[in-house]
Amino acid sequence: MLEKQVFWLDISYQQCLNIGVKNKYSIDEFEFENQGTLIDVVNNAHKQNLFQNIDQLRLMKDMRNTIAHEYIEDQLVNVFADVLEYSNILLGIMDNTKQYMKKL
């Protein structure tokens, strides 16, 4: 989490350094970018080709909710294979994200 925050702070800092200190700023120079809701973030990541199948990501979110609220061990056995499959997909998405961030 700290690395993520440092990354975005540094990007903002570098942009501000390029603008410089002025008595007046244009709207573009002073505009704040809203990251939006989680849905917006996911949609933007999809547009950046960080993952291919948005429905698959929604299934992963639903599975996470099922696991988080499932207290009976026997029921968790039923989703173990899916967890393995989706974990591998999620690791791929994370790797794509890291590669995308390196390009920035």
Protein backbone atom coordinates (compact mmCIF):
# COMPACT_ATOMS: atom_id res chain seq x y z
CA MET A 1 0.00 0.00 0.00
CA LEU A 2 2.81 2.39 0.85
CA GLU A 3 4.58 1.70 -2.44
CA LYS A 4 1.36 2.45 -4.29
CA GLN A 5 0.89 5.74 -2.49
CA VAL A 6 4.53 6.72 -3.01
CA PHE A 7 4.20 5.90 -6.70
CA TRP A 8 1.17 8.17 -7.20
CA LEU A 9 2.58 10.92 -5.04
CA ASP A 10 5.77 10.90 -7.07
CA ILE A 11 3.84 11.09 -10.35
CA SER A 12 1.86 14.07 -9.05
CA TYR A 13 5.01 15.69 -7.73
CA GLN A 14 6.82 15.33 -11.07
CA GLN A 15 3.84 16.80 -12.92
CA CYS A 16 3.77 19.73 -10.54
CA LEU A 17 7.52 20.26 -10.92
CA ASN A 18 7.04 20.47 -14.69
CA ILE A 19 4.29 23.08 -14.28
CA GLY A 20 6.38 25.14 -11.88
CA VAL A 21 5.43 27.83 -9.39
CA LYS A 22 3.27 30.58 -10.93
CA ASN A 23 1.00 33.42 -9.91
CA LYS A 24 -1.80 32.00 -12.06
CA TYR A 25 -2.52 28.49 -13.37
CA SER A 26 -4.60 27.29 -16.29
CA ILE A 27 -7.54 24.99 -15.66
CA ASP A 28 -5.56 22.07 -17.13
CA GLU A 29 -2.63 22.73 -14.81
CA PHE A 30 -4.81 23.00 -11.71
CA GLU A 31 -7.28 20.21 -12.53
CA PHE A 32 -7.61 17.35 -10.07
CA GLU A 33 -8.13 13.87 -11.41
CA ASN A 34 -10.79 11.87 -9.65
CA GLN A 35 -10.00 8.14 -9.61
CA GLY A 36 -13.72 7.45 -9.32
CA THR A 37 -15.46 4.46 -7.87
CA LEU A 38 -14.06 0.95 -7.80
CA ILE A 39 -16.15 0.22 -10.89
CA ASP A 40 -14.52 3.20 -12.65
CA VAL A 41 -11.07 1.97 -11.67
CA VAL A 42 -11.81 -1.54 -12.95
CA ASN A 43 -13.25 -0.18 -16.21
CA ASN A 44 -10.19 2.03 -16.70
CA ALA A 45 -7.87 -0.92 -16.04
CA HIS A 46 -9.81 -2.91 -18.62
CA LYS A 47 -9.41 -0.09 -21.15
CA GLN A 48 -5.64 -0.19 -20.50
CA ASN A 49 -5.70 -3.93 -21.37
CA LEU A 50 -4.53 -4.93 -17.89
CA PHE A 51 -6.99 -7.82 -18.18
CA GLN A 52 -9.17 -9.15 -21.00
CA ASN A 53 -12.36 -10.44 -19.41
CA ILE A 54 -14.25 -8.03 -17.17
CA ASP A 55 -16.91 -10.65 -16.39
CA GLN A 56 -14.21 -12.94 -15.05
CA LEU A 57 -13.08 -10.20 -12.69
CA ARG A 58 -16.66 -9.81 -11.45
CA LEU A 59 -16.81 -13.55 -10.81
CA MET A 60 -13.61 -13.30 -8.79
CA LYS A 61 -15.11 -10.51 -6.70
CA ASP A 62 -18.23 -12.61 -6.07
CA MET A 63 -16.10 -15.60 -5.13
CA ARG A 64 -14.12 -13.47 -2.70
CA ASN A 65 -17.38 -12.40 -1.08
CA THR A 66 -18.53 -16.02 -0.85
CA ILE A 67 -15.28 -17.07 0.82
CA ALA A 68 -15.30 -14.11 3.20
CA HIS A 69 -18.79 -14.97 4.40
CA GLU A 70 -18.51 -18.76 4.36
CA TYR A 71 -17.81 -20.15 7.80
CA ILE A 72 -18.31 -23.86 7.14
CA GLU A 73 -15.07 -25.53 6.06
CA ASP A 74 -16.85 -28.15 3.97
CA GLN A 75 -18.34 -25.43 1.77
CA LEU A 76 -14.92 -23.92 1.12
CA VAL A 77 -13.74 -27.23 -0.35
CA ASN A 78 -16.27 -26.74 -3.14
CA VAL A 79 -14.64 -23.51 -4.31
CA PHE A 80 -10.98 -24.47 -3.90
CA ALA A 81 -10.41 -25.37 -7.58
CA ASP A 82 -11.98 -22.10 -8.68
CA VAL A 83 -9.82 -20.18 -6.21
CA LEU A 84 -6.70 -21.73 -7.70
CA GLU A 85 -7.80 -20.89 -11.24
CA TYR A 86 -8.77 -17.32 -10.44
CA SER A 87 -5.68 -16.76 -8.30
CA ASN A 88 -3.51 -17.53 -11.32
CA ILE A 89 -5.55 -15.13 -13.46
CA LEU A 90 -5.33 -12.45 -10.78
CA LEU A 91 -1.56 -12.87 -10.57
CA GLY A 92 -1.42 -12.28 -14.32
CA ILE A 93 -3.50 -9.11 -13.96
CA MET A 94 -1.18 -7.90 -11.22
CA ASP A 95 1.86 -8.58 -13.41
CA ASN A 96 0.24 -6.67 -16.30
CA THR A 97 -0.43 -3.79 -13.92
CA LYS A 98 3.19 -3.70 -12.74
CA GLN A 99 4.40 -3.68 -16.35
CA TYR A 100 1.96 -0.88 -17.19
CA MET A 101 3.17 1.14 -14.22
CA LYS A 102 6.80 0.72 -15.33
CA LYS A 103 5.88 2.31 -18.67
CA LEU A 104 4.54 5.39 -16.91
